[in-house]
Amino acid sequence: MSKSILTEINRFLIAISLIATPVNPYIFGMTLYIWIILIFFDFEFLSKLKFVKLKYILIYLSWITLALIEFKIIIAVKLSILFLGILYLCTQDEVIFPKIKIAFIISCFFCIAQFFLYYIDPSISASIAGINIGTFIWGENFATPAYVNQYVVFLFPRMAGLSREAGFFVSLLGIMVLLILSKRKKISFYESILYISSYFFSLSKVSISVIFLFFLLPFKNILNKIPLFLSILTVISLFILLALKLDINHNGYFYINESIAHRLSSSSMVLNMKDGSFLLGCNENYNCTINNEEPLYNYLNSRNLTPNTGVNGVWVDFGLLGIILLSITLFSLKVKTFDFLVLVLITSTVTLFTLDNFVILTYYYILINCRNSIFNK
């Protein structure tokens, strides 16, 4: 078998590992993303690493230094993997994205199949979804945590395709469509049917954020005239005000609206952090509020949820220093307001440092959309 064929197979496996989270094994209490290993067998990528621009190395080292100074080793590891993944996608852009798109289309077909099979026999639908995929490949002991949860949030039972759960699939759908549009400017009729069907068959709360994103798309040029600093300040403030308005720390709210309370928990925590934590961020247990007995944070902890979602999650993890570094990073990359809003909306349910595919692809979208060349020619 020729070297070029092996390279193409390797790249397709990288794409599958990135898009189809359940195909990756779960070892030592964490998901081992196979793509992390496989990219080191793409020798074209390795040959380009020496040409990485100093600016990107300095950005990476700044974040790693901050994480290590605050003894946040797990976040430092995640940052390193994120940087590596983004580096690979931007380097191999033209050769890897077509394969990522194919893997994504396969995931969409799985979503549609799951939906129709659900009405025939829910157990059959569940057998090709969530953790059952990982169990089939790796067995019960090594299957990556993923969720079938095929219940109705809006209109229809929600399906997850090959994603970890339905909300993650919708986020992936949103950023993938943006990437396709940024590269081709249009989507074929049959692709549109596929993506629209997948959207309706996976309706979740995050679907609102995704549709709002596409509502903003026609106003991209207008939004980009808004100074980035003003956009960052506005987003941070709006999330804090929303958390206050909804009074999410009241047990009458978060018991009923757990997902919304979790998404806004970081915004609520910012106002309740101790002085040292406000500047440097919380400890790994997130015991950093003025009153550690506040019910919301205790409830989230009991549910194994952390109050570090979205942009304000950077404040919770790294304090004001983290927000300053995030702002410097965005400015140095010449990110415009629309792309910043893409980051805000796509990552509203997770941390900015998570390794799930839609987060890595969002950073990839921002870099190629800003025409940021990572390498010296």
Protein backbone atom coordinates (compact mmCIF):
# COMPACT_ATOMS: atom_id res chain seq x y z
CA MET A 1 0.00 0.00 0.00
CA SER A 2 1.46 3.36 -1.06
CA LYS A 3 2.45 6.07 1.41
CA SER A 4 -0.14 8.49 -0.01
CA ILE A 5 -2.99 6.01 0.51
CA LEU A 6 -1.91 5.41 4.10
CA THR A 7 -1.79 9.17 4.66
CA GLU A 8 -5.32 9.58 3.30
CA ILE A 9 -6.61 6.73 5.50
CA ASN A 10 -4.93 8.29 8.53
CA ARG A 11 -6.51 11.67 7.81
CA PHE A 12 -9.95 10.13 7.44
CA LEU A 13 -9.51 8.35 10.78
CA ILE A 14 -8.52 11.70 12.31
CA ALA A 15 -11.73 13.22 10.95
CA ILE A 16 -13.86 10.34 12.28
CA SER A 17 -12.22 10.53 15.70
CA LEU A 18 -12.84 14.28 15.84
CA ILE A 19 -16.48 14.20 14.72
CA ALA A 20 -17.68 10.90 16.22
CA THR A 21 -16.83 11.28 19.92
CA PRO A 22 -18.20 7.84 21.00
CA VAL A 23 -15.66 6.01 18.80
CA ASN A 24 -12.88 7.18 21.14
CA PRO A 25 -12.10 5.01 24.20
CA TYR A 26 -12.43 6.06 27.84
CA ILE A 27 -9.25 5.31 29.78
CA PHE A 28 -8.15 6.35 33.28
CA GLY A 29 -11.25 8.46 33.78
CA MET A 30 -10.94 10.48 30.57
CA THR A 31 -11.76 10.25 26.88
CA LEU A 32 -8.66 9.43 24.84
CA TYR A 33 -9.22 11.18 21.53
CA ILE A 34 -7.50 8.99 18.95
CA TRP A 35 -6.89 11.96 16.66
CA ILE A 36 -4.34 13.31 19.17
CA ILE A 37 -2.13 10.30 18.41
CA LEU A 38 -2.90 10.03 14.69
CA ILE A 39 -1.88 13.59 13.79
CA PHE A 40 1.71 12.67 14.67
CA PHE A 41 1.60 10.19 11.79
CA ASP A 42 0.75 12.97 9.34
CA PHE A 43 4.34 13.75 8.39
CA GLU A 44 3.38 16.68 6.19
CA PHE A 45 1.95 18.36 9.28
CA LEU A 46 5.05 17.60 11.34
CA SER A 47 7.30 19.09 8.67
CA LYS A 48 5.46 22.42 8.95
CA LEU A 49 5.68 22.81 12.73
CA LYS A 50 9.05 24.59 12.54
CA PHE A 51 7.40 27.38 10.55
CA VAL A 52 4.81 28.31 13.19
CA LYS A 53 4.79 32.07 13.72
CA LEU A 54 6.21 33.39 16.96
CA LYS A 55 2.93 35.17 17.76
CA TYR A 56 1.03 31.91 18.13
CA ILE A 57 3.76 30.31 20.21
CA LEU A 58 3.68 33.32 22.56
CA ILE A 59 -0.13 33.10 22.86
CA TYR A 60 0.13 29.41 23.75
CA LEU A 61 2.96 29.99 26.24
CA SER A 62 1.03 32.83 27.89
CA TRP A 63 -1.97 30.61 28.59
CA ILE A 64 0.16 27.66 29.69
CA THR A 65 2.18 29.90 32.02
CA LEU A 66 -0.99 31.27 33.61
CA ALA A 67 -2.38 27.76 34.08
CA LEU A 68 0.83 26.42 35.59
CA ILE A 69 1.32 29.42 37.90
CA GLU A 70 -2.16 28.72 39.27
CA PHE A 71 -1.41 24.95 39.46
CA LYS A 72 -4.22 24.10 37.04
CA ILE A 73 -2.51 21.14 35.42
CA ILE A 74 -5.62 19.63 33.83
CA ILE A 75 -6.49 22.90 32.11
CA ALA A 76 -2.85 23.23 30.99
CA VAL A 77 -3.07 19.79 29.36
CA LYS A 78 -6.37 20.70 27.69
CA LEU A 79 -4.89 23.96 26.42
CA SER A 80 -1.96 22.04 24.91
CA ILE A 81 -4.30 19.58 23.15
CA LEU A 82 -6.51 22.44 21.94
CA PHE A 83 -3.50 24.27 20.53
CA LEU A 84 -2.28 21.10 18.83
CA GLY A 85 -5.70 20.37 17.31
CA ILE A 86 -6.22 23.92 16.06
CA LEU A 87 -2.68 23.93 14.68
CA TYR A 88 -3.37 20.72 12.78
CA LEU A 89 -6.66 21.92 11.30
CA CYS A 90 -5.22 25.25 10.18
CA THR A 91 -2.11 23.58 8.73
CA GLN A 92 -3.93 20.85 6.87
CA ASP A 93 -6.98 22.98 6.08
CA GLU A 94 -7.46 22.04 2.43
CA VAL A 95 -6.74 18.33 2.85
CA ILE A 96 -8.46 17.64 6.18
CA PHE A 97 -11.66 19.67 5.97
CA PRO A 98 -13.23 17.63 3.10
CA LYS A 99 -12.77 14.51 5.26
CA ILE A 100 -14.20 16.27 8.33
CA LYS A 101 -17.19 17.23 6.22
CA ILE A 102 -17.71 13.61 5.11
CA ALA A 103 -17.53 12.45 8.74
CA PHE A 104 -20.03 15.15 9.70
CA ILE A 105 -22.44 14.11 6.92
CA ILE A 106 -22.24 10.54 8.21
CA SER A 107 -23.15 11.86 11.66
CA CYS A 108 -26.13 13.69 10.15
CA PHE A 109 -27.33 10.46 8.50
CA PHE A 110 -27.02 8.73 11.87
CA CYS A 111 -29.16 11.49 13.40
CA ILE A 112 -31.86 11.02 10.78
CA ALA A 113 -31.73 7.22 11.07
CA GLN A 114 -32.02 7.47 14.86
CA PHE A 115 -35.06 9.72 14.49
CA PHE A 116 -37.04 7.41 12.20
CA LEU A 117 -35.98 4.26 14.03
CA TYR A 118 -37.21 5.84 17.26
CA TYR A 119 -40.79 5.71 15.93
CA ILE A 120 -40.34 2.09 14.87
CA ASP A 121 -38.62 0.87 18.03
CA PRO A 122 -36.87 3.26 20.48
CA SER A 123 -34.51 0.49 21.60
CA ILE A 124 -33.18 0.08 18.06
CA SER A 125 -32.65 3.83 17.78
CA ALA A 126 -30.84 3.88 21.13
CA SER A 127 -28.59 1.00 20.07
CA ILE A 128 -26.90 3.22 17.44
CA ALA A 129 -26.61 6.28 19.67
CA GLY A 130 -24.62 7.62 22.59
CA ILE A 131 -22.65 5.30 24.82
CA ASN A 132 -24.01 2.24 23.01
CA ILE A 133 -21.74 3.05 20.06
CA GLY A 134 -18.70 3.12 22.33
CA THR A 135 -19.82 -0.04 24.11
CA PHE A 136 -20.09 -1.85 20.77
CA ILE A 137 -16.54 -0.80 19.81
CA TRP A 138 -14.68 -0.86 23.14
CA GLY A 139 -16.91 -2.76 25.55
CA GLU A 140 -18.61 -1.41 28.68
CA ASN A 141 -15.38 -0.72 30.59
CA PHE A 142 -13.84 1.54 27.95
CA ALA A 143 -16.86 3.23 26.35
CA THR A 144 -16.73 7.02 26.38
CA PRO A 145 -19.58 8.60 28.39
CA ALA A 146 -22.23 9.71 25.91
CA TYR A 147 -25.95 10.11 26.32
CA VAL A 148 -28.92 8.70 24.45
CA ASN A 149 -31.52 10.94 26.23
CA GLN A 150 -33.96 10.83 23.29
CA TYR A 151 -36.69 12.89 24.93
CA VAL A 152 -38.67 15.89 23.70
CA VAL A 153 -37.40 19.40 24.45
CA PHE A 154 -39.05 21.10 21.44
CA LEU A 155 -41.45 19.38 19.06
CA PHE A 156 -39.56 16.08 18.50
CA PRO A 157 -37.46 13.57 20.42
CA ARG A 158 -33.90 14.83 20.13
CA MET A 159 -31.17 12.75 18.45
CA ALA A 160 -27.40 13.11 18.77
CA GLY A 161 -26.00 11.59 15.61
CA LEU A 162 -22.42 10.54 16.41
CA SER A 163 -21.95 13.26 19.03
CA ARG A 164 -21.74 12.87 22.79
CA GLU A 165 -25.29 14.21 23.20
CA ALA A 166 -27.92 16.10 21.23
CA GLY A 167 -26.91 19.58 22.38
CA PHE A 168 -23.32 18.95 21.29
CA PHE A 169 -24.55 17.71 17.91
CA VAL A 170 -26.52 20.94 17.37
CA SER A 171 -23.47 23.02 18.27
CA LEU A 172 -21.38 20.96 15.85
CA LEU A 173 -24.04 21.42 13.17
CA GLY A 174 -23.96 25.19 13.63
CA ILE A 175 -20.19 25.60 13.35
CA MET A 176 -19.89 23.11 10.48
CA VAL A 177 -22.47 24.99 8.41
CA LEU A 178 -20.60 28.23 9.09
CA LEU A 179 -17.34 26.60 8.00
CA ILE A 180 -18.92 25.28 4.80
CA LEU A 181 -20.39 28.70 4.03
CA SER A 182 -17.07 30.43 4.69
CA LYS A 183 -15.36 28.13 2.19
CA ARG A 184 -18.03 27.76 -0.51
CA LYS A 185 -20.38 30.69 0.13
CA LYS A 186 -23.36 28.44 -0.62
CA ILE A 187 -24.77 25.02 0.21
CA SER A 188 -26.46 22.70 -2.27
CA PHE A 189 -30.19 21.95 -2.07
CA TYR A 190 -29.67 18.35 -0.92
CA GLU A 191 -27.14 19.39 1.70
CA SER A 192 -29.60 22.01 2.96
CA ILE A 193 -32.29 19.34 3.37
CA LEU A 194 -29.81 17.14 5.25
CA TYR A 195 -28.70 19.91 7.63
CA ILE A 196 -32.18 21.32 8.23
CA SER A 197 -33.56 17.84 8.94
CA SER A 198 -30.69 17.16 11.33
CA TYR A 199 -31.37 20.45 13.09
CA PHE A 200 -35.06 19.69 13.66
CA PHE A 201 -34.35 16.10 14.69
CA SER A 202 -31.92 17.24 17.40
CA LEU A 203 -33.78 20.22 18.85
CA SER A 204 -32.36 21.20 22.24
CA LYS A 205 -32.12 24.39 24.27
CA VAL A 206 -28.83 25.19 22.55
CA SER A 207 -30.70 25.13 19.22
CA ILE A 208 -31.94 28.62 20.09
CA SER A 209 -28.34 29.89 20.24
CA VAL A 210 -27.54 28.26 16.90
CA ILE A 211 -30.56 29.74 15.10
CA PHE A 212 -29.80 33.14 16.63
CA LEU A 213 -26.29 32.84 15.22
CA PHE A 214 -27.66 32.42 11.70
CA PHE A 215 -30.06 35.29 12.29
CA LEU A 216 -26.98 37.46 12.95
CA LEU A 217 -25.10 36.20 9.88
CA PRO A 218 -26.66 38.66 7.36
CA PHE A 219 -25.59 41.51 9.68
CA LYS A 220 -22.00 40.31 9.90
CA ASN A 221 -20.46 43.36 8.24
CA ILE A 222 -22.48 45.73 10.43
CA LEU A 223 -21.56 43.85 13.60
CA ASN A 224 -17.89 43.89 12.64
CA LYS A 225 -17.92 47.68 12.83
CA ILE A 226 -18.52 47.43 16.58
CA PRO A 227 -15.18 47.65 18.45
CA LEU A 228 -14.16 44.27 19.86
CA PHE A 229 -13.47 45.70 23.31
CA LEU A 230 -17.03 47.02 23.51
CA SER A 231 -18.38 43.63 22.38
CA ILE A 232 -16.43 41.75 25.06
CA LEU A 233 -17.57 44.16 27.76
CA THR A 234 -21.19 43.99 26.57
CA VAL A 235 -21.31 40.18 26.45
CA ILE A 236 -19.79 39.80 29.92
CA SER A 237 -22.19 42.37 31.35
CA LEU A 238 -25.29 40.98 29.63
CA PHE A 239 -24.70 37.46 30.94
CA ILE A 240 -24.18 38.79 34.47
CA LEU A 241 -27.33 40.91 34.27
CA LEU A 242 -29.33 37.95 32.94
CA ALA A 243 -28.13 35.74 35.79
CA LEU A 244 -29.19 38.44 38.26
CA LYS A 245 -32.54 38.98 36.56
CA LEU A 246 -33.40 35.28 36.62
CA ASP A 247 -32.08 34.92 40.18
CA ILE A 248 -30.54 31.58 39.23
CA ASN A 249 -29.01 31.12 42.69
CA HIS A 250 -32.48 30.64 44.17
CA ASN A 251 -33.30 26.97 44.65
CA GLY A 252 -36.77 27.52 43.23
CA TYR A 253 -35.10 28.32 39.90
CA PHE A 254 -32.17 25.94 39.40
CA TYR A 255 -34.08 22.80 40.42
CA ILE A 256 -36.54 23.45 37.59
CA ASN A 257 -34.15 25.01 35.06
CA GLU A 258 -30.91 23.16 35.67
CA SER A 259 -29.43 23.59 32.17
CA ILE A 260 -30.05 27.36 32.07
CA ALA A 261 -28.77 27.80 35.62
CA HIS A 262 -25.62 25.85 34.72
CA ARG A 263 -24.98 27.98 31.63
CA LEU A 264 -25.31 31.18 33.64
CA SER A 265 -23.60 29.88 36.79
CA SER A 266 -20.23 31.40 35.88
CA SER A 267 -21.85 34.81 35.39
CA SER A 268 -23.48 34.57 38.80
CA MET A 269 -20.27 33.40 40.45
CA VAL A 270 -18.24 36.36 39.13
CA LEU A 271 -20.22 38.67 41.42
CA ASN A 272 -19.75 36.42 44.45
CA MET A 273 -16.05 35.59 44.23
CA LYS A 274 -13.60 36.35 47.01
CA ASP A 275 -11.05 39.09 46.28
CA GLY A 276 -8.17 36.73 45.51
CA SER A 277 -10.34 34.47 43.36
CA PHE A 278 -11.77 37.48 41.54
CA LEU A 279 -8.26 38.32 40.36
CA LEU A 280 -6.77 34.83 39.87
CA GLY A 281 -9.76 32.50 39.55
CA CYS A 282 -11.23 29.69 41.62
CA ASN A 283 -9.56 26.57 42.92
CA GLU A 284 -10.28 23.21 41.32
CA ASN A 285 -13.22 22.61 43.67
CA TYR A 286 -14.72 26.04 42.90
CA ASN A 287 -14.97 26.88 46.59
CA CYS A 288 -14.24 30.52 45.95
CA THR A 289 -17.41 32.46 46.72
CA ILE A 290 -17.83 34.82 49.65
CA ASN A 291 -20.40 32.39 51.02
CA ASN A 292 -19.37 28.83 50.17
CA GLU A 293 -22.80 27.55 51.16
CA GLU A 294 -24.61 29.20 48.26
CA PRO A 295 -27.16 26.60 47.10
CA LEU A 296 -26.57 26.79 43.33
CA TYR A 297 -22.89 25.85 43.50
CA ASN A 298 -23.54 23.05 45.99
CA TYR A 299 -26.29 21.73 43.72
CA LEU A 300 -24.06 21.84 40.62
CA ASN A 301 -21.32 20.05 42.53
CA SER A 302 -23.77 17.31 43.50
CA ARG A 303 -24.60 16.92 39.80
CA ASN A 304 -20.90 16.85 38.78
CA LEU A 305 -21.34 20.15 36.94
CA THR A 306 -18.85 23.00 37.16
CA PRO A 307 -19.75 26.74 37.12
CA ASN A 308 -17.24 27.70 34.42
CA THR A 309 -19.32 27.80 31.24
CA GLY A 310 -18.95 30.36 28.48
CA VAL A 311 -16.82 33.49 28.37
CA ASN A 312 -17.38 34.28 32.04
CA GLY A 313 -16.12 30.78 32.76
CA VAL A 314 -12.66 32.11 31.86
CA TRP A 315 -13.11 34.61 34.71
CA VAL A 316 -14.10 31.80 37.08
CA ASP A 317 -11.11 29.64 36.08
CA PHE A 318 -8.45 32.35 35.74
CA GLY A 319 -9.94 35.46 37.29
CA LEU A 320 -9.66 38.95 35.88
CA LEU A 321 -6.18 38.04 34.60
CA GLY A 322 -7.79 35.39 32.41
CA ILE A 323 -10.28 37.86 30.92
CA ILE A 324 -7.44 40.29 30.21
CA LEU A 325 -5.41 37.53 28.54
CA LEU A 326 -8.46 36.40 26.54
CA SER A 327 -8.96 39.98 25.32
CA ILE A 328 -5.28 40.31 24.38
CA THR A 329 -5.48 36.99 22.52
CA LEU A 330 -8.55 38.06 20.54
CA PHE A 331 -7.01 41.44 19.71
CA SER A 332 -3.70 39.90 18.61
CA LEU A 333 -5.59 37.51 16.31
CA LYS A 334 -7.56 40.47 14.91
CA VAL A 335 -10.87 38.80 15.72
CA LYS A 336 -13.93 40.81 14.73
CA THR A 337 -17.17 41.14 16.69
CA PHE A 338 -19.16 38.59 14.65
CA ASP A 339 -16.56 35.87 15.13
CA PHE A 340 -16.39 36.69 18.83
CA LEU A 341 -20.17 36.22 19.00
CA VAL A 342 -19.77 32.86 17.24
CA LEU A 343 -17.39 31.83 20.01
CA VAL A 344 -19.79 33.09 22.69
CA LEU A 345 -22.86 31.32 21.31
CA ILE A 346 -21.24 28.02 20.35
CA THR A 347 -19.46 27.65 23.70
CA SER A 348 -22.32 28.89 25.88
CA THR A 349 -22.90 25.41 27.35
CA VAL A 350 -19.27 24.40 27.95
CA THR A 351 -15.93 25.90 28.95
CA LEU A 352 -13.74 27.59 26.36
CA PHE A 353 -11.12 24.94 27.13
CA THR A 354 -13.17 21.83 26.46
CA LEU A 355 -11.88 19.36 23.87
CA ASP A 356 -15.20 18.57 22.22
CA ASN A 357 -15.17 18.88 18.44
CA PHE A 358 -17.39 21.94 18.09
CA VAL A 359 -15.09 24.02 20.31
CA ILE A 360 -11.93 23.09 18.37
CA LEU A 361 -13.75 23.72 15.09
CA THR A 362 -14.95 27.11 16.36
CA TYR A 363 -11.36 28.25 16.98
CA TYR A 364 -10.45 26.86 13.56
CA TYR A 365 -13.32 28.84 11.99
CA ILE A 366 -12.23 32.05 13.72
CA LEU A 367 -8.63 31.72 12.54
CA ILE A 368 -9.39 30.94 8.91
CA ASN A 369 -12.21 33.50 8.85
CA CYS A 370 -9.77 36.17 10.05
CA ARG A 371 -7.36 34.99 7.36
CA ASN A 372 -4.78 34.31 10.07
CA SER A 373 -1.83 32.42 8.61
CA ILE A 374 -0.23 30.44 11.43
CA PHE A 375 2.92 29.71 9.44
CA ASN A 376 5.72 31.74 7.99
CA LYS A 377 5.72 31.09 4.27
